[in-house]
Amino acid sequence: MQFEQAGKYIIDKLSKELPAHLTYHSVEHVLDVYAAAEQIGKYEGISAVDMKLLLTAAWYHDSGFLKGARDHEEESCRIAKKALPDFGYTDADIEKICGMIMATKIPQAPQSHLEEILADADLDYLGRSDFFSIGDKLYNELSAFGIVHNADEWNQLQVRFLENHHYFTKSAITSRQQKKEEHLQQVKAKLKS
């Protein structure tokens, strides 16, 4: 498995080809999810082989945005299935990677420990101190798509999302849940004011 080359290939492609209006689903987001996945994976004590598969899934999980936002997880799997055999990944590896990619689809429904880790890594920022600055990027992207039209609509969407979201792994629950609850209260307060 040529792990580093598989990552370099997709990061280079995303850097060159992702549309500029994707202020949230950017290379920066992919690298953020990669870092979160690596951290959660370490805390969860996964094997070295599983770590490589997890991190490959993190690199590829939003590559479908190269084609568009709709069903981007399915498209990300297609891209992974096309690219990864060239880097020595087996069909079984790619199947696991696609399972993890699909586990990031909202509403999240991971079926394995690795899928739980990537699902948590994808939304790690919900329980971090950079929640509002990352949220602003998502607000700008959703505004560009015409999904939200003003700050109130955005905050209502965030409240619904935060209320319905839950972390799956013990490490994410321990390290992110409390801060996420605080963010929910802060967003609710914005709506009241």
N, C-alpha and C. Protein backbone atom coordinates (compact mmCIF):
# COMPACT_ATOMS: atom_id res chain seq x y z
N MET A 1 0.85 -1.19 0.00
CA MET A 1 0.00 0.00 0.00
C MET A 1 0.89 1.25 0.00
N GLN A 2 0.78 2.05 -1.06
CA GLN A 2 1.56 3.29 -1.15
C GLN A 2 0.73 4.43 -0.54
N PHE A 3 0.71 4.42 0.78
CA PHE A 3 -0.15 5.31 1.56
C PHE A 3 0.11 6.79 1.27
N GLU A 4 1.36 7.22 1.41
CA GLU A 4 1.70 8.64 1.22
C GLU A 4 1.34 9.12 -0.19
N GLN A 5 1.64 8.27 -1.19
CA GLN A 5 1.37 8.65 -2.59
C GLN A 5 -0.14 8.76 -2.84
N ALA A 6 -0.92 7.87 -2.22
CA ALA A 6 -2.38 7.91 -2.37
C ALA A 6 -2.93 9.23 -1.81
N GLY A 7 -2.35 9.67 -0.71
CA GLY A 7 -2.77 10.95 -0.11
C GLY A 7 -2.34 12.13 -0.94
N LYS A 8 -1.09 12.13 -1.38
CA LYS A 8 -0.57 13.24 -2.19
C LYS A 8 -1.41 13.40 -3.46
N TYR A 9 -1.75 12.27 -4.08
CA TYR A 9 -2.53 12.30 -5.32
C TYR A 9 -3.85 13.06 -5.13
N ILE A 10 -4.61 12.69 -4.09
CA ILE A 10 -5.94 13.29 -3.93
C ILE A 10 -5.86 14.72 -3.41
N ILE A 11 -4.91 15.01 -2.53
CA ILE A 11 -4.76 16.39 -2.02
C ILE A 11 -4.36 17.33 -3.16
N ASP A 12 -3.43 16.89 -4.03
CA ASP A 12 -3.05 17.71 -5.19
C ASP A 12 -4.26 17.97 -6.08
N LYS A 13 -5.05 16.92 -6.33
CA LYS A 13 -6.24 17.03 -7.19
C LYS A 13 -7.26 18.00 -6.58
N LEU A 14 -7.52 17.85 -5.28
CA LEU A 14 -8.47 18.73 -4.60
C LEU A 14 -7.97 20.18 -4.61
N SER A 15 -6.68 20.38 -4.37
CA SER A 15 -6.09 21.72 -4.35
C SER A 15 -6.29 22.44 -5.68
N LYS A 16 -6.15 21.68 -6.76
CA LYS A 16 -6.24 22.29 -8.10
C LYS A 16 -7.67 22.41 -8.61
N GLU A 17 -8.56 21.46 -8.24
CA GLU A 17 -9.84 21.35 -8.94
C GLU A 17 -11.09 21.69 -8.14
N LEU A 18 -10.99 21.79 -6.81
CA LEU A 18 -12.20 22.12 -6.04
C LEU A 18 -12.66 23.54 -6.36
N PRO A 19 -13.98 23.75 -6.53
CA PRO A 19 -14.49 25.10 -6.80
C PRO A 19 -14.21 26.06 -5.63
N ALA A 20 -13.96 27.32 -5.95
CA ALA A 20 -13.61 28.33 -4.95
C ALA A 20 -14.75 28.62 -3.97
N HIS A 21 -16.02 28.41 -4.39
CA HIS A 21 -17.14 28.71 -3.48
C HIS A 21 -17.28 27.69 -2.36
N LEU A 22 -16.48 26.62 -2.40
CA LEU A 22 -16.51 25.64 -1.31
C LEU A 22 -15.60 26.14 -0.18
N THR A 23 -16.16 27.02 0.63
CA THR A 23 -15.37 27.63 1.71
C THR A 23 -15.24 26.69 2.90
N TYR A 24 -16.15 25.71 3.02
CA TYR A 24 -16.09 24.73 4.11
C TYR A 24 -15.51 23.40 3.61
N HIS A 25 -16.08 22.85 2.55
CA HIS A 25 -15.63 21.56 2.00
C HIS A 25 -14.38 21.78 1.14
N SER A 26 -13.30 22.17 1.80
CA SER A 26 -12.06 22.56 1.16
C SER A 26 -10.95 21.58 1.54
N VAL A 27 -9.76 21.81 0.99
CA VAL A 27 -8.59 21.01 1.37
C VAL A 27 -8.32 21.18 2.87
N GLU A 28 -8.52 22.39 3.36
CA GLU A 28 -8.33 22.66 4.79
C GLU A 28 -9.22 21.74 5.65
N HIS A 29 -10.48 21.56 5.24
CA HIS A 29 -11.40 20.67 5.95
C HIS A 29 -10.88 19.22 5.89
N VAL A 30 -10.44 18.79 4.73
CA VAL A 30 -9.94 17.42 4.56
C VAL A 30 -8.76 17.17 5.50
N LEU A 31 -7.84 18.12 5.58
CA LEU A 31 -6.66 17.98 6.44
C LEU A 31 -7.05 18.04 7.92
N ASP A 32 -8.09 18.81 8.23
CA ASP A 32 -8.60 18.90 9.60
C ASP A 32 -9.21 17.55 10.02
N VAL A 33 -9.99 16.95 9.13
CA VAL A 33 -10.62 15.65 9.41
C VAL A 33 -9.53 14.58 9.53
N TYR A 34 -8.51 14.66 8.68
CA TYR A 34 -7.38 13.74 8.75
C TYR A 34 -6.73 13.81 10.15
N ALA A 35 -6.45 15.02 10.62
CA ALA A 35 -5.80 15.20 11.93
C ALA A 35 -6.69 14.68 13.06
N ALA A 36 -8.00 14.97 12.97
CA ALA A 36 -8.95 14.50 13.99
C ALA A 36 -9.04 12.98 13.97
N ALA A 37 -9.07 12.39 12.78
CA ALA A 37 -9.16 10.93 12.65
C ALA A 37 -7.92 10.27 13.26
N GLU A 38 -6.76 10.85 12.98
CA GLU A 38 -5.52 10.31 13.52
C GLU A 38 -5.53 10.36 15.06
N GLN A 39 -5.98 11.48 15.60
CA GLN A 39 -6.03 11.65 17.05
C GLN A 39 -7.02 10.66 17.69
N ILE A 40 -8.23 10.59 17.13
CA ILE A 40 -9.25 9.68 17.68
C ILE A 40 -8.78 8.23 17.53
N GLY A 41 -8.21 7.90 16.36
CA GLY A 41 -7.71 6.55 16.11
C GLY A 41 -6.67 6.13 17.13
N LYS A 42 -5.78 7.06 17.49
CA LYS A 42 -4.75 6.77 18.52
C LYS A 42 -5.42 6.50 19.86
N TYR A 43 -6.34 7.39 20.26
CA TYR A 43 -7.04 7.22 21.55
C TYR A 43 -7.83 5.92 21.59
N GLU A 44 -8.39 5.54 20.44
CA GLU A 44 -9.21 4.34 20.37
C GLU A 44 -8.37 3.07 20.23
N GLY A 45 -7.06 3.23 20.05
CA GLY A 45 -6.14 2.09 20.03
C GLY A 45 -6.25 1.19 18.82
N ILE A 46 -6.49 1.77 17.64
CA ILE A 46 -6.62 0.93 16.43
C ILE A 46 -5.24 0.48 15.93
N SER A 47 -5.21 -0.58 15.12
CA SER A 47 -3.95 -1.12 14.59
C SER A 47 -3.34 -0.18 13.55
N ALA A 48 -2.05 -0.38 13.26
CA ALA A 48 -1.34 0.44 12.27
C ALA A 48 -1.98 0.32 10.88
N VAL A 49 -2.40 -0.88 10.52
CA VAL A 49 -3.04 -1.10 9.21
C VAL A 49 -4.38 -0.35 9.15
N ASP A 50 -5.19 -0.51 10.20
CA ASP A 50 -6.47 0.20 10.25
C ASP A 50 -6.28 1.72 10.23
N MET A 51 -5.21 2.19 10.88
CA MET A 51 -4.92 3.62 10.88
C MET A 51 -4.69 4.13 9.45
N LYS A 52 -3.95 3.36 8.66
CA LYS A 52 -3.70 3.77 7.26
C LYS A 52 -5.00 3.80 6.46
N LEU A 53 -5.86 2.81 6.68
CA LEU A 53 -7.15 2.78 5.96
C LEU A 53 -8.02 3.95 6.40
N LEU A 54 -8.04 4.22 7.70
CA LEU A 54 -8.82 5.34 8.26
C LEU A 54 -8.35 6.67 7.67
N LEU A 55 -7.04 6.87 7.65
CA LEU A 55 -6.50 8.14 7.17
C LEU A 55 -6.68 8.29 5.65
N THR A 56 -6.64 7.17 4.94
CA THR A 56 -6.92 7.22 3.50
C THR A 56 -8.38 7.63 3.29
N ALA A 57 -9.28 7.06 4.09
CA ALA A 57 -10.71 7.44 4.00
C ALA A 57 -10.88 8.93 4.31
N ALA A 58 -10.13 9.43 5.28
CA ALA A 58 -10.21 10.87 5.62
C ALA A 58 -9.79 11.72 4.42
N TRP A 59 -8.70 11.34 3.76
CA TRP A 59 -8.25 12.08 2.58
C TRP A 59 -9.29 12.09 1.47
N TYR A 60 -9.97 10.98 1.28
CA TYR A 60 -10.87 10.82 0.12
C TYR A 60 -12.34 11.15 0.44
N HIS A 61 -12.69 11.39 1.71
CA HIS A 61 -14.11 11.38 2.10
C HIS A 61 -14.96 12.45 1.43
N ASP A 62 -14.37 13.58 1.06
CA ASP A 62 -15.14 14.63 0.38
C ASP A 62 -14.66 14.88 -1.05
N SER A 63 -13.91 13.95 -1.61
CA SER A 63 -13.41 14.13 -2.98
C SER A 63 -14.54 14.20 -4.00
N GLY A 64 -15.71 13.67 -3.64
CA GLY A 64 -16.87 13.74 -4.53
C GLY A 64 -17.32 15.16 -4.84
N PHE A 65 -16.91 16.12 -3.99
CA PHE A 65 -17.23 17.53 -4.27
C PHE A 65 -16.56 18.02 -5.56
N LEU A 66 -15.63 17.27 -6.08
CA LEU A 66 -15.05 17.60 -7.40
C LEU A 66 -16.13 17.54 -8.47
N LYS A 67 -17.15 16.69 -8.26
CA LYS A 67 -18.26 16.56 -9.21
C LYS A 67 -19.49 17.37 -8.78
N GLY A 68 -19.61 17.66 -7.47
CA GLY A 68 -20.76 18.41 -6.98
C GLY A 68 -21.14 17.97 -5.58
N ALA A 69 -22.03 18.74 -4.94
CA ALA A 69 -22.39 18.47 -3.55
C ALA A 69 -23.36 17.29 -3.41
N ARG A 70 -24.23 17.13 -4.40
CA ARG A 70 -25.26 16.10 -4.31
C ARG A 70 -24.64 14.70 -4.34
N ASP A 71 -25.02 13.86 -3.38
CA ASP A 71 -24.51 12.48 -3.30
C ASP A 71 -22.98 12.42 -3.40
N HIS A 72 -22.32 13.40 -2.78
CA HIS A 72 -20.86 13.45 -2.91
C HIS A 72 -20.17 12.27 -2.25
N GLU A 73 -20.81 11.65 -1.26
CA GLU A 73 -20.18 10.48 -0.62
C GLU A 73 -20.06 9.31 -1.61
N GLU A 74 -21.13 9.07 -2.37
CA GLU A 74 -21.11 8.01 -3.38
C GLU A 74 -20.02 8.31 -4.42
N GLU A 75 -19.95 9.56 -4.82
CA GLU A 75 -18.94 9.97 -5.80
C GLU A 75 -17.53 9.83 -5.22
N SER A 76 -17.37 10.15 -3.93
CA SER A 76 -16.07 9.98 -3.26
C SER A 76 -15.65 8.51 -3.31
N CYS A 77 -16.60 7.60 -3.11
CA CYS A 77 -16.31 6.16 -3.20
C CYS A 77 -15.89 5.77 -4.61
N ARG A 78 -16.57 6.32 -5.60
CA ARG A 78 -16.20 6.02 -6.99
C ARG A 78 -14.77 6.47 -7.27
N ILE A 79 -14.43 7.66 -6.78
CA ILE A 79 -13.08 8.20 -6.98
C ILE A 79 -12.05 7.30 -6.28
N ALA A 80 -12.36 6.89 -5.04
CA ALA A 80 -11.46 6.00 -4.29
C ALA A 80 -11.28 4.67 -5.01
N LYS A 81 -12.39 4.10 -5.51
CA LYS A 81 -12.33 2.80 -6.21
C LYS A 81 -11.50 2.89 -7.49
N LYS A 82 -11.54 4.06 -8.12
CA LYS A 82 -10.79 4.25 -9.36
C LYS A 82 -9.30 4.49 -9.06
N ALA A 83 -9.00 5.28 -8.05
CA ALA A 83 -7.62 5.71 -7.79
C ALA A 83 -6.80 4.73 -6.96
N LEU A 84 -7.40 4.17 -5.93
CA LEU A 84 -6.62 3.43 -4.92
C LEU A 84 -5.97 2.13 -5.40
N PRO A 85 -6.57 1.39 -6.36
CA PRO A 85 -5.86 0.19 -6.84
C PRO A 85 -4.47 0.53 -7.40
N ASP A 86 -4.31 1.73 -7.99
CA ASP A 86 -3.01 2.16 -8.53
C ASP A 86 -1.97 2.33 -7.43
N PHE A 87 -2.42 2.46 -6.17
CA PHE A 87 -1.50 2.64 -5.05
C PHE A 87 -1.42 1.37 -4.18
N GLY A 88 -1.83 0.24 -4.76
CA GLY A 88 -1.65 -1.04 -4.09
C GLY A 88 -2.70 -1.39 -3.03
N TYR A 89 -3.82 -0.67 -3.02
CA TYR A 89 -4.91 -1.00 -2.09
C TYR A 89 -5.71 -2.17 -2.66
N THR A 90 -6.07 -3.11 -1.81
CA THR A 90 -6.85 -4.27 -2.25
C THR A 90 -8.34 -3.93 -2.29
N ASP A 91 -9.12 -4.81 -2.92
CA ASP A 91 -10.58 -4.62 -2.95
C ASP A 91 -11.14 -4.55 -1.53
N ALA A 92 -10.61 -5.41 -0.64
CA ALA A 92 -11.08 -5.42 0.76
C ALA A 92 -10.75 -4.11 1.46
N ASP A 93 -9.55 -3.55 1.20
CA ASP A 93 -9.17 -2.25 1.77
C ASP A 93 -10.15 -1.17 1.30
N ILE A 94 -10.41 -1.18 0.01
CA ILE A 94 -11.25 -0.13 -0.60
C ILE A 94 -12.69 -0.25 -0.10
N GLU A 95 -13.14 -1.47 0.10
CA GLU A 95 -14.50 -1.67 0.64
C GLU A 95 -14.61 -1.05 2.05
N LYS A 96 -13.58 -1.29 2.88
CA LYS A 96 -13.56 -0.69 4.22
C LYS A 96 -13.53 0.84 4.15
N ILE A 97 -12.71 1.36 3.23
CA ILE A 97 -12.57 2.81 3.06
C ILE A 97 -13.90 3.41 2.62
N CYS A 98 -14.58 2.76 1.68
CA CYS A 98 -15.89 3.25 1.23
C CYS A 98 -16.93 3.20 2.34
N GLY A 99 -16.86 2.18 3.18
CA GLY A 99 -17.75 2.12 4.34
C GLY A 99 -17.56 3.33 5.24
N MET A 100 -16.30 3.69 5.46
CA MET A 100 -16.00 4.86 6.30
C MET A 100 -16.49 6.15 5.64
N ILE A 101 -16.25 6.27 4.34
CA ILE A 101 -16.70 7.47 3.62
C ILE A 101 -18.23 7.60 3.74
N MET A 102 -18.95 6.50 3.52
CA MET A 102 -20.41 6.54 3.58
C MET A 102 -20.92 6.84 4.99
N ALA A 103 -20.11 6.52 6.00
CA ALA A 103 -20.49 6.80 7.40
C ALA A 103 -20.49 8.29 7.72
N THR A 104 -19.89 9.10 6.82
CA THR A 104 -19.90 10.56 7.05
C THR A 104 -21.17 11.21 6.51
N LYS A 105 -21.98 10.44 5.77
CA LYS A 105 -23.23 10.98 5.21
C LYS A 105 -24.20 11.32 6.35
N ILE A 106 -24.83 12.47 6.24
CA ILE A 106 -25.78 12.93 7.26
C ILE A 106 -27.18 12.42 6.91
N PRO A 107 -27.95 11.84 7.83
CA PRO A 107 -27.59 11.54 9.22
C PRO A 107 -26.60 10.36 9.28
N GLN A 108 -25.62 10.48 10.15
CA GLN A 108 -24.57 9.48 10.25
C GLN A 108 -25.11 8.17 10.84
N ALA A 109 -24.68 7.05 10.21
CA ALA A 109 -25.09 5.73 10.71
C ALA A 109 -23.93 4.74 10.55
N PRO A 110 -22.82 4.98 11.27
CA PRO A 110 -21.67 4.09 11.13
C PRO A 110 -21.98 2.66 11.59
N GLN A 111 -21.37 1.68 10.91
CA GLN A 111 -21.63 0.26 11.18
C GLN A 111 -20.43 -0.46 11.81
N SER A 112 -19.28 0.22 11.92
CA SER A 112 -18.08 -0.41 12.48
C SER A 112 -17.32 0.63 13.30
N HIS A 113 -16.34 0.16 14.06
CA HIS A 113 -15.54 1.06 14.89
C HIS A 113 -14.81 2.09 14.02
N LEU A 114 -14.21 1.67 12.92
CA LEU A 114 -13.52 2.61 12.02
C LEU A 114 -14.48 3.64 11.44
N GLU A 115 -15.68 3.18 11.09
CA GLU A 115 -16.70 4.11 10.56
C GLU A 115 -17.11 5.12 11.62
N GLU A 116 -17.21 4.68 12.87
CA GLU A 116 -17.52 5.60 13.98
C GLU A 116 -16.44 6.66 14.13
N ILE A 117 -15.19 6.23 14.00
CA ILE A 117 -14.06 7.17 14.16
C ILE A 117 -14.11 8.24 13.07
N LEU A 118 -14.31 7.85 11.81
CA LEU A 118 -14.33 8.85 10.73
C LEU A 118 -15.56 9.75 10.85
N ALA A 119 -16.69 9.18 11.23
CA ALA A 119 -17.90 10.00 11.43
C ALA A 119 -17.64 11.07 12.49
N ASP A 120 -17.01 10.67 13.59
CA ASP A 120 -16.69 11.63 14.66
C ASP A 120 -15.65 12.66 14.20
N ALA A 121 -14.65 12.20 13.46
CA ALA A 121 -13.60 13.11 12.98
C ALA A 121 -14.18 14.17 12.04
N ASP A 122 -15.13 13.77 11.20
CA ASP A 122 -15.73 14.68 10.23
C ASP A 122 -16.44 15.84 10.92
N LEU A 123 -17.00 15.59 12.10
CA LEU A 123 -17.73 16.64 12.83
C LEU A 123 -17.04 16.98 14.15
N ASP A 124 -15.75 16.74 14.21
CA ASP A 124 -14.96 17.01 15.40
C ASP A 124 -15.10 18.48 15.84
N TYR A 125 -15.13 19.39 14.87
CA TYR A 125 -15.15 20.83 15.18
C TYR A 125 -16.37 21.25 16.00
N LEU A 126 -17.45 20.47 15.97
CA LEU A 126 -18.66 20.83 16.74
C LEU A 126 -18.35 20.99 18.22
N GLY A 127 -17.34 20.26 18.70
CA GLY A 127 -16.98 20.31 20.11
C GLY A 127 -15.62 20.95 20.36
N ARG A 128 -15.20 21.84 19.46
CA ARG A 128 -13.89 22.49 19.61
C ARG A 128 -14.05 24.00 19.73
N SER A 129 -12.97 24.63 20.16
CA SER A 129 -13.01 26.09 20.36
C SER A 129 -13.11 26.87 19.03
N ASP A 130 -12.76 26.23 17.90
CA ASP A 130 -12.88 26.93 16.60
C ASP A 130 -14.24 26.68 15.93
N PHE A 131 -15.22 26.25 16.71
CA PHE A 131 -16.56 25.95 16.20
C PHE A 131 -17.15 27.11 15.40
N PHE A 132 -17.10 28.33 15.94
CA PHE A 132 -17.76 29.45 15.26
C PHE A 132 -17.02 29.89 14.00
N SER A 133 -15.68 29.87 14.01
CA SER A 133 -14.94 30.28 12.81
C SER A 133 -15.13 29.25 11.69
N ILE A 134 -15.16 27.96 12.03
CA ILE A 134 -15.42 26.93 11.01
C ILE A 134 -16.87 27.01 10.55
N GLY A 135 -17.77 27.25 11.50
CA GLY A 135 -19.19 27.41 11.17
C GLY A 135 -19.43 28.54 10.18
N ASP A 136 -18.67 29.63 10.32
CA ASP A 136 -18.80 30.75 9.38
C ASP A 136 -18.49 30.32 7.95
N LYS A 137 -17.51 29.44 7.81
CA LYS A 137 -17.14 28.94 6.47
C LYS A 137 -18.29 28.12 5.89
N LEU A 138 -18.93 27.31 6.73
CA LEU A 138 -20.06 26.50 6.27
C LEU A 138 -21.24 27.41 5.93
N TYR A 139 -21.48 28.44 6.76
CA TYR A 139 -22.55 29.41 6.49
C TYR A 139 -22.34 30.06 5.12
N ASN A 140 -21.12 30.49 4.84
CA ASN A 140 -20.82 31.13 3.55
C ASN A 140 -21.05 30.17 2.38
N GLU A 141 -20.65 28.91 2.58
CA GLU A 141 -20.85 27.91 1.52
C GLU A 141 -22.33 27.64 1.29
N LEU A 142 -23.09 27.44 2.38
CA LEU A 142 -24.53 27.17 2.24
C LEU A 142 -25.27 28.38 1.67
N SER A 143 -24.79 29.59 1.98
CA SER A 143 -25.37 30.81 1.40
C SER A 143 -25.13 30.83 -0.11
N ALA A 144 -23.92 30.46 -0.52
CA ALA A 144 -23.59 30.43 -1.96
C ALA A 144 -24.48 29.44 -2.71
N PHE A 145 -24.86 28.34 -2.03
CA PHE A 145 -25.75 27.34 -2.64
C PHE A 145 -27.23 27.75 -2.52
N GLY A 146 -27.52 28.84 -1.80
CA GLY A 146 -28.90 29.28 -1.60
C GLY A 146 -29.67 28.42 -0.61
N ILE A 147 -28.94 27.69 0.26
CA ILE A 147 -29.59 26.81 1.25
C ILE A 147 -30.02 27.60 2.48
N VAL A 148 -29.21 28.58 2.87
CA VAL A 148 -29.61 29.51 3.94
C VAL A 148 -29.51 30.93 3.41
N HIS A 149 -30.38 31.81 3.93
CA HIS A 149 -30.45 33.17 3.39
C HIS A 149 -30.07 34.26 4.39
N ASN A 150 -30.02 33.90 5.68
CA ASN A 150 -29.63 34.89 6.68
C ASN A 150 -29.15 34.19 7.95
N ALA A 151 -28.64 34.99 8.89
CA ALA A 151 -28.04 34.44 10.11
C ALA A 151 -29.06 33.69 10.96
N ASP A 152 -30.31 34.16 11.01
CA ASP A 152 -31.34 33.47 11.79
C ASP A 152 -31.61 32.06 11.25
N GLU A 153 -31.78 31.97 9.93
CA GLU A 153 -31.99 30.66 9.31
C GLU A 153 -30.82 29.73 9.61
N TRP A 154 -29.61 30.29 9.51
CA TRP A 154 -28.40 29.51 9.78
C TRP A 154 -28.38 29.02 11.22
N ASN A 155 -28.69 29.90 12.15
CA ASN A 155 -28.66 29.51 13.57
C ASN A 155 -29.75 28.48 13.90
N GLN A 156 -30.91 28.60 13.26
CA GLN A 156 -31.97 27.59 13.45
C GLN A 156 -31.49 26.23 12.94
N LEU A 157 -30.82 26.25 11.78
CA LEU A 157 -30.27 25.02 11.20
C LEU A 157 -29.22 24.41 12.15
N GLN A 158 -28.37 25.28 12.70
CA GLN A 158 -27.33 24.80 13.62
C GLN A 158 -27.94 24.18 14.88
N VAL A 159 -28.98 24.81 15.42
CA VAL A 159 -29.63 24.26 16.63
C VAL A 159 -30.17 22.86 16.33
N ARG A 160 -30.89 22.72 15.21
CA ARG A 160 -31.44 21.41 14.84
C ARG A 160 -30.32 20.39 14.66
N PHE A 161 -29.25 20.80 14.01
CA PHE A 161 -28.14 19.90 13.73
C PHE A 161 -27.46 19.46 15.04
N LEU A 162 -27.16 20.42 15.90
CA LEU A 162 -26.48 20.11 17.16
C LEU A 162 -27.35 19.25 18.08
N GLU A 163 -28.66 19.51 18.08
CA GLU A 163 -29.56 18.72 18.92
C GLU A 163 -29.66 17.27 18.45
N ASN A 164 -29.56 17.07 17.13
CA ASN A 164 -29.70 15.72 16.57
C ASN A 164 -28.39 14.94 16.48
N HIS A 165 -27.27 15.66 16.57
CA HIS A 165 -25.97 15.01 16.42
C HIS A 165 -25.53 14.34 17.73
N HIS A 166 -24.86 13.19 17.59
CA HIS A 166 -24.16 12.61 18.74
C HIS A 166 -22.87 11.95 18.28
N TYR A 167 -21.87 12.01 19.17
CA TYR A 167 -20.60 11.34 18.90
C TYR A 167 -20.75 9.86 19.19
N PHE A 168 -19.91 9.04 18.55
CA PHE A 168 -19.99 7.59 18.67
C PHE A 168 -18.86 6.99 19.51
N THR A 169 -17.65 7.52 19.36
CA THR A 169 -16.50 6.92 20.04
C THR A 169 -16.38 7.48 21.46
N LYS A 170 -15.83 6.64 22.33
CA LYS A 170 -15.62 7.03 23.72
C LYS A 170 -14.74 8.28 23.80
N SER A 171 -13.69 8.32 22.98
CA SER A 171 -12.77 9.46 23.04
C SER A 171 -13.42 10.77 22.59
N ALA A 172 -14.25 10.73 21.54
CA ALA A 172 -14.92 11.96 21.09
C ALA A 172 -15.96 12.41 22.11
N ILE A 173 -16.68 11.46 22.70
CA ILE A 173 -17.67 11.81 23.72
C ILE A 173 -16.97 12.49 24.91
N THR A 174 -15.85 11.91 25.32
CA THR A 174 -15.10 12.45 26.45
C THR A 174 -14.51 13.83 26.16
N SER A 175 -13.94 13.99 24.94
CA SER A 175 -13.21 15.23 24.66
C SER A 175 -14.03 16.33 23.99
N ARG A 176 -15.18 16.00 23.40
CA ARG A 176 -15.91 17.00 22.59
C ARG A 176 -17.35 17.28 23.03
N GLN A 177 -17.99 16.34 23.69
CA GLN A 177 -19.42 16.45 23.98
C GLN A 177 -19.78 17.69 24.79
N GLN A 178 -19.05 17.95 25.88
CA GLN A 178 -19.41 19.07 26.76
C GLN A 178 -19.32 20.41 26.04
N LYS A 179 -18.23 20.60 25.27
CA LYS A 179 -18.04 21.85 24.52
C LYS A 179 -19.14 22.00 23.46
N LYS A 180 -19.53 20.89 22.84
CA LYS A 180 -20.60 20.93 21.84
C LYS A 180 -21.91 21.43 22.49
N GLU A 181 -22.21 20.94 23.69
CA GLU A 181 -23.41 21.38 24.44
C GLU A 181 -23.35 22.88 24.70
N GLU A 182 -22.17 23.38 25.06
CA GLU A 182 -21.99 24.82 25.30
C GLU A 182 -22.28 25.61 24.03
N HIS A 183 -21.80 25.11 22.89
CA HIS A 183 -22.05 25.78 21.61
C HIS A 183 -23.54 25.82 21.30
N LEU A 184 -24.23 24.74 21.57
CA LEU A 184 -25.68 24.68 21.34
C LEU A 184 -26.37 25.79 22.14
N GLN A 185 -25.99 25.95 23.41
CA GLN A 185 -26.60 26.99 24.25
C GLN A 185 -26.28 28.39 23.70
N GLN A 186 -25.05 28.57 23.21
CA GLN A 186 -24.65 29.87 22.67
C GLN A 186 -25.44 30.21 21.40
N VAL A 187 -25.65 29.21 20.55
CA VAL A 187 -26.42 29.45 19.31
C VAL A 187 -27.88 29.74 19.66
N LYS A 188 -28.44 29.02 20.62
CA LYS A 188 -29.82 29.29 21.07
C LYS A 188 -29.94 30.72 21.62
N ALA A 189 -28.93 31.15 22.34
CA ALA A 189 -28.93 32.51 22.89
C ALA A 189 -28.92 33.56 21.78
N LYS A 190 -28.19 33.29 20.70
CA LYS A 190 -28.16 34.20 19.55
C LYS A 190 -29.55 34.34 18.94
N LEU A 191 -30.29 33.24 18.88
CA LEU A 191 -31.63 33.27 18.31
C LEU A 191 -32.61 34.07 19.17
N LYS A 192 -32.40 34.03 20.47
CA LYS A 192 -33.30 34.77 21.39
C LYS A 192 -33.05 36.26 21.33
N SER A 193 -31.79 36.65 21.09
CA SER A 193 -31.45 38.09 21.15
C SER A 193 -31.92 38.86 19.92
